[in-house]
Amino acid sequence: MVSNCPKCGKTVSEDSVYCPYCGYGIQKTARTVQASAGSTLLMVSTVASLILFALSLKALAQIYGWYPPLIAQNFILYIQLLTVFTFVGFLFGLLASILSSARRSYKWTMVSAILCTLLSASSWVTSIIVPASNWGTSLFYFFLPLLIPVLIGTLLIYPKKAEFTHVIRKDKESS
């Protein structure tokens, strides 16, 4: 049996998983390494956000024990911002990684991934402007584990819209 590729329209055999001409995933099982790597990177950033969220909660609870009250008041706003950014980034990262792993709803995957990227960037910027901040610490604790994985993951998933659309189309055809 033969059929046509939904992307390029060329004739392919019915048992093909990918179109031999354009690489489009024809079967439900067709998943590219690129989108799978993007999903994994989103999950790495999600775990990093969760860890930094827990650390920022701990810092909020102990800030007055570390610094005198007047100095602590300067830091508390930044730590509250970090807490909010890392928690909301965790939520959007979790949603993006779940949706991208299941190849469901490209639109919501990208919205969640972009919001997670923006929140990770906000966490990094906040860590830079904290009074007495250190560029090395900010780079090591916020830029590398939070921003880089989610940014690369989002960029890897972005061109793979066909994988998401195709799975949804197959589900609609089968019902």
C-alpha atoms as a PDB file:
ATOM      1  CA  MET A   1       0.000   0.000   0.000  1.00  0.00           C
ATOM      2  CA  VAL A   2       1.148   3.532  -0.657  1.00  0.00           C
ATOM      3  CA  SER A   3       0.056   6.913   0.635  1.00  0.00           C
ATOM      4  CA  ASN A   4       1.059  10.537   0.272  1.00  0.00           C
ATOM      5  CA  CYS A   5       3.191  12.458   2.752  1.00  0.00           C
ATOM      6  CA  PRO A   6       1.055  15.150   4.434  1.00  0.00           C
ATOM      7  CA  LYS A   7       3.961  17.624   4.272  1.00  0.00           C
ATOM      8  CA  CYS A   8       5.519  17.270   0.810  1.00  0.00           C
ATOM      9  CA  GLY A   9       2.791  15.268  -0.971  1.00  0.00           C
ATOM     10  CA  LYS A  10       5.161  12.653  -2.402  1.00  0.00           C
ATOM     11  CA  THR A  11       4.218   8.986  -2.497  1.00  0.00           C
ATOM     12  CA  VAL A  12       5.559   6.884   0.384  1.00  0.00           C
ATOM     13  CA  SER A  13       4.906   3.316   1.452  1.00  0.00           C
ATOM     14  CA  GLU A  14       2.210   2.784   4.082  1.00  0.00           C
ATOM     15  CA  ASP A  15       4.629   1.202   6.577  1.00  0.00           C
ATOM     16  CA  SER A  16       7.094   4.138   6.480  1.00  0.00           C
ATOM     17  CA  VAL A  17       7.604   5.868   9.794  1.00  0.00           C
ATOM     18  CA  TYR A  18       9.259   8.913   8.167  1.00  0.00           C
ATOM     19  CA  CYS A  19       8.922  10.382   4.709  1.00  0.00           C
ATOM     20  CA  PRO A  20      12.131   9.485   2.818  1.00  0.00           C
ATOM     21  CA  TYR A  21      11.980  12.814   0.956  1.00  0.00           C
ATOM     22  CA  CYS A  22      11.356  15.452   3.630  1.00  0.00           C
ATOM     23  CA  GLY A  23      11.807  13.555   6.919  1.00  0.00           C
ATOM     24  CA  TYR A  24       8.254  14.226   8.125  1.00  0.00           C
ATOM     25  CA  GLY A  25       7.081  11.753  10.769  1.00  0.00           C
ATOM     26  CA  ILE A  26       4.223   9.822   9.187  1.00  0.00           C
ATOM     27  CA  GLN A  27       3.484   7.319  11.951  1.00  0.00           C
ATOM     28  CA  LYS A  28       2.486   8.097  15.532  1.00  0.00           C
ATOM     29  CA  THR A  29       5.762   6.587  16.684  1.00  0.00           C
ATOM     30  CA  ALA A  30       7.801   9.085  14.655  1.00  0.00           C
ATOM     31  CA  ARG A  31       9.734  11.222  17.089  1.00  0.00           C
ATOM     32  CA  THR A  32      12.864  13.102  16.267  1.00  0.00           C
ATOM     33  CA  VAL A  33      15.883  13.170  18.497  1.00  0.00           C
ATOM     34  CA  GLN A  34      15.867  16.959  18.263  1.00  0.00           C
ATOM     35  CA  ALA A  35      12.427  17.348  19.895  1.00  0.00           C
ATOM     36  CA  SER A  36      13.232  14.642  22.453  1.00  0.00           C
ATOM     37  CA  ALA A  37      16.454  16.430  23.402  1.00  0.00           C
ATOM     38  CA  GLY A  38      14.473  19.669  23.707  1.00  0.00           C
ATOM     39  CA  SER A  39      12.033  17.954  26.084  1.00  0.00           C
ATOM     40  CA  THR A  40      14.930  16.659  28.176  1.00  0.00           C
ATOM     41  CA  LEU A  41      16.525  20.109  28.378  1.00  0.00           C
ATOM     42  CA  LEU A  42      13.198  21.596  29.451  1.00  0.00           C
ATOM     43  CA  MET A  43      13.028  18.993  32.221  1.00  0.00           C
ATOM     44  CA  VAL A  44      16.610  19.835  33.321  1.00  0.00           C
ATOM     45  CA  SER A  45      15.668  23.491  33.622  1.00  0.00           C
ATOM     46  CA  THR A  46      12.474  22.533  35.478  1.00  0.00           C
ATOM     47  CA  VAL A  47      14.435  20.548  38.051  1.00  0.00           C
ATOM     48  CA  ALA A  48      16.924  23.427  38.421  1.00  0.00           C
ATOM     49  CA  SER A  49      14.010  25.835  38.963  1.00  0.00           C
ATOM     50  CA  LEU A  50      12.567  23.571  41.643  1.00  0.00           C
ATOM     51  CA  ILE A  51      15.917  23.347  43.445  1.00  0.00           C
ATOM     52  CA  LEU A  52      16.464  27.112  43.288  1.00  0.00           C
ATOM     53  CA  PHE A  53      12.892  27.686  44.457  1.00  0.00           C
ATOM     54  CA  ALA A  54      13.530  25.514  47.523  1.00  0.00           C
ATOM     55  CA  LEU A  55      16.811  27.324  48.209  1.00  0.00           C
ATOM     56  CA  SER A  56      15.153  30.742  47.882  1.00  0.00           C
ATOM     57  CA  LEU A  57      12.397  29.684  50.304  1.00  0.00           C
ATOM     58  CA  LYS A  58      15.070  28.604  52.751  1.00  0.00           C
ATOM     59  CA  ALA A  59      16.852  31.939  52.260  1.00  0.00           C
ATOM     60  CA  LEU A  60      13.627  33.846  52.914  1.00  0.00           C
ATOM     61  CA  ALA A  61      13.104  31.926  56.135  1.00  0.00           C
ATOM     62  CA  GLN A  62      16.671  32.558  57.347  1.00  0.00           C
ATOM     63  CA  ILE A  63      17.517  35.998  55.964  1.00  0.00           C
ATOM     64  CA  TYR A  64      17.207  37.839  59.273  1.00  0.00           C
ATOM     65  CA  GLY A  65      19.474  35.278  60.888  1.00  0.00           C
ATOM     66  CA  TRP A  66      22.204  35.969  58.339  1.00  0.00           C
ATOM     67  CA  TYR A  67      22.114  39.750  58.201  1.00  0.00           C
ATOM     68  CA  PRO A  68      21.216  42.599  60.529  1.00  0.00           C
ATOM     69  CA  PRO A  69      17.612  43.756  59.965  1.00  0.00           C
ATOM     70  CA  LEU A  70      18.514  46.868  57.918  1.00  0.00           C
ATOM     71  CA  ILE A  71      20.743  44.918  55.535  1.00  0.00           C
ATOM     72  CA  ALA A  72      18.247  42.052  55.336  1.00  0.00           C
ATOM     73  CA  GLN A  73      15.571  44.499  54.220  1.00  0.00           C
ATOM     74  CA  ASN A  74      17.719  45.344  51.180  1.00  0.00           C
ATOM     75  CA  PHE A  75      18.002  41.671  50.225  1.00  0.00           C
ATOM     76  CA  ILE A  76      14.473  40.462  50.966  1.00  0.00           C
ATOM     77  CA  LEU A  77      12.887  42.051  47.889  1.00  0.00           C
ATOM     78  CA  TYR A  78      15.391  40.341  45.584  1.00  0.00           C
ATOM     79  CA  ILE A  79      14.969  36.984  47.263  1.00  0.00           C
ATOM     80  CA  GLN A  80      11.187  37.309  47.021  1.00  0.00           C
ATOM     81  CA  LEU A  81      11.528  38.047  43.301  1.00  0.00           C
ATOM     82  CA  LEU A  82      13.803  35.030  42.878  1.00  0.00           C
ATOM     83  CA  THR A  83      11.299  32.876  44.747  1.00  0.00           C
ATOM     84  CA  VAL A  84       8.407  33.964  42.530  1.00  0.00           C
ATOM     85  CA  PHE A  85      10.395  33.717  39.271  1.00  0.00           C
ATOM     86  CA  THR A  86      11.778  30.255  40.053  1.00  0.00           C
ATOM     87  CA  PHE A  87       8.404  28.887  41.197  1.00  0.00           C
ATOM     88  CA  VAL A  88       6.440  30.165  38.214  1.00  0.00           C
ATOM     89  CA  GLY A  89       9.309  29.118  35.927  1.00  0.00           C
ATOM     90  CA  PHE A  90       9.097  25.649  37.453  1.00  0.00           C
ATOM     91  CA  LEU A  91       5.367  25.465  36.709  1.00  0.00           C
ATOM     92  CA  PHE A  92       5.721  26.578  33.088  1.00  0.00           C
ATOM     93  CA  GLY A  93       8.793  24.393  32.586  1.00  0.00           C
ATOM     94  CA  LEU A  94       6.942  21.373  33.926  1.00  0.00           C
ATOM     95  CA  LEU A  95       3.989  22.050  31.640  1.00  0.00           C
ATOM     96  CA  ALA A  96       6.253  22.572  28.601  1.00  0.00           C
ATOM     97  CA  SER A  97       8.279  19.431  29.272  1.00  0.00           C
ATOM     98  CA  ILE A  98       5.160  17.283  29.767  1.00  0.00           C
ATOM     99  CA  LEU A  99       3.485  18.615  26.624  1.00  0.00           C
ATOM    100  CA  SER A 100       6.624  18.304  24.513  1.00  0.00           C
ATOM    101  CA  SER A 101       7.365  14.783  25.743  1.00  0.00           C
ATOM    102  CA  ALA A 102       3.844  13.690  24.818  1.00  0.00           C
ATOM    103  CA  ARG A 103       3.933  15.773  21.589  1.00  0.00           C
ATOM    104  CA  ARG A 104       0.647  17.400  22.525  1.00  0.00           C
ATOM    105  CA  SER A 105      -0.455  20.934  21.696  1.00  0.00           C
ATOM    106  CA  TYR A 106       2.461  22.615  19.958  1.00  0.00           C
ATOM    107  CA  LYS A 107       0.952  26.035  20.678  1.00  0.00           C
ATOM    108  CA  TRP A 108       0.809  25.501  24.456  1.00  0.00           C
ATOM    109  CA  THR A 109       4.181  23.780  24.485  1.00  0.00           C
ATOM    110  CA  MET A 110       5.781  26.814  22.867  1.00  0.00           C
ATOM    111  CA  VAL A 111       3.877  29.311  25.026  1.00  0.00           C
ATOM    112  CA  SER A 112       4.957  27.454  28.178  1.00  0.00           C
ATOM    113  CA  ALA A 113       8.544  27.068  26.968  1.00  0.00           C
ATOM    114  CA  ILE A 114       8.840  30.746  26.044  1.00  0.00           C
ATOM    115  CA  LEU A 115       7.362  31.850  29.379  1.00  0.00           C
ATOM    116  CA  CYS A 116       9.738  29.498  31.196  1.00  0.00           C
ATOM    117  CA  THR A 117      12.629  31.006  29.211  1.00  0.00           C
ATOM    118  CA  LEU A 118      11.551  34.551  30.116  1.00  0.00           C
ATOM    119  CA  LEU A 119      11.177  33.636  33.794  1.00  0.00           C
ATOM    120  CA  SER A 120      14.602  31.982  33.782  1.00  0.00           C
ATOM    121  CA  ALA A 121      16.071  35.121  32.237  1.00  0.00           C
ATOM    122  CA  SER A 122      14.279  37.199  34.903  1.00  0.00           C
ATOM    123  CA  SER A 123      15.777  35.005  37.636  1.00  0.00           C
ATOM    124  CA  TRP A 124      19.223  35.446  36.159  1.00  0.00           C
ATOM    125  CA  VAL A 125      18.846  39.245  35.844  1.00  0.00           C
ATOM    126  CA  THR A 126      17.536  39.427  39.420  1.00  0.00           C
ATOM    127  CA  SER A 127      20.549  37.438  40.628  1.00  0.00           C
ATOM    128  CA  ILE A 128      22.828  39.946  38.892  1.00  0.00           C
ATOM    129  CA  ILE A 129      21.237  43.041  40.473  1.00  0.00           C
ATOM    130  CA  VAL A 130      21.176  41.706  44.024  1.00  0.00           C
ATOM    131  CA  PRO A 131      23.305  43.988  46.198  1.00  0.00           C
ATOM    132  CA  ALA A 132      26.851  42.633  46.506  1.00  0.00           C
ATOM    133  CA  SER A 133      26.188  40.071  43.764  1.00  0.00           C
ATOM    134  CA  ASN A 134      28.935  38.095  42.121  1.00  0.00           C
ATOM    135  CA  TRP A 135      28.959  37.513  38.347  1.00  0.00           C
ATOM    136  CA  GLY A 136      30.512  34.077  38.734  1.00  0.00           C
ATOM    137  CA  THR A 137      27.891  32.934  41.207  1.00  0.00           C
ATOM    138  CA  SER A 138      25.109  34.356  39.052  1.00  0.00           C
ATOM    139  CA  LEU A 139      26.513  32.629  35.987  1.00  0.00           C
ATOM    140  CA  PHE A 140      26.997  29.279  37.740  1.00  0.00           C
ATOM    141  CA  TYR A 141      23.734  29.122  39.720  1.00  0.00           C
ATOM    142  CA  PHE A 142      21.262  30.890  37.436  1.00  0.00           C
ATOM    143  CA  PHE A 143      22.501  31.318  33.857  1.00  0.00           C
ATOM    144  CA  LEU A 144      23.908  27.841  33.206  1.00  0.00           C
ATOM    145  CA  PRO A 145      21.302  25.605  34.908  1.00  0.00           C
ATOM    146  CA  LEU A 146      18.196  27.740  34.331  1.00  0.00           C
ATOM    147  CA  LEU A 147      18.495  29.821  31.187  1.00  0.00           C
ATOM    148  CA  ILE A 148      20.732  27.849  28.838  1.00  0.00           C
ATOM    149  CA  PRO A 149      18.845  24.481  28.949  1.00  0.00           C
ATOM    150  CA  VAL A 150      15.389  26.010  28.526  1.00  0.00           C
ATOM    151  CA  LEU A 151      16.563  28.332  25.762  1.00  0.00           C
ATOM    152  CA  ILE A 152      18.237  25.521  23.811  1.00  0.00           C
ATOM    153  CA  GLY A 153      15.271  23.197  24.481  1.00  0.00           C
ATOM    154  CA  THR A 154      12.823  25.782  23.180  1.00  0.00           C
ATOM    155  CA  LEU A 155      14.941  26.374  20.082  1.00  0.00           C
ATOM    156  CA  LEU A 156      15.159  22.622  19.432  1.00  0.00           C
ATOM    157  CA  ILE A 157      11.394  22.126  19.694  1.00  0.00           C
ATOM    158  CA  TYR A 158      10.397  25.234  17.731  1.00  0.00           C
ATOM    159  CA  PRO A 159      10.999  23.843  14.204  1.00  0.00           C
ATOM    160  CA  LYS A 160       9.293  20.510  15.021  1.00  0.00           C
ATOM    161  CA  LYS A 161       5.692  21.676  14.801  1.00  0.00           C
ATOM    162  CA  ALA A 162       4.878  18.851  12.377  1.00  0.00           C
ATOM    163  CA  GLU A 163       5.468  16.227  15.066  1.00  0.00           C
ATOM    164  CA  PHE A 164       2.878  17.830  17.315  1.00  0.00           C
ATOM    165  CA  THR A 165       0.340  18.517  14.578  1.00  0.00           C
ATOM    166  CA  HIS A 166       0.672  15.050  13.117  1.00  0.00           C
ATOM    167  CA  VAL A 167      -0.089  13.260  16.403  1.00  0.00           C
ATOM    168  CA  ILE A 168      -3.164  15.389  16.945  1.00  0.00           C
ATOM    169  CA  ARG A 169      -4.287  14.782  13.340  1.00  0.00           C
ATOM    170  CA  LYS A 170      -3.858  10.998  13.776  1.00  0.00           C
ATOM    171  CA  ASP A 171      -5.884  11.069  17.006  1.00  0.00           C
ATOM    172  CA  LYS A 172      -8.692  12.944  15.277  1.00  0.00           C
ATOM    173  CA  GLU A 173      -8.679  10.542  12.332  1.00  0.00           C
ATOM    174  CA  SER A 174      -8.896   7.476  14.564  1.00  0.00           C
ATOM    175  CA  SER A 175     -11.961   8.746  16.446  1.00  0.00           C
END
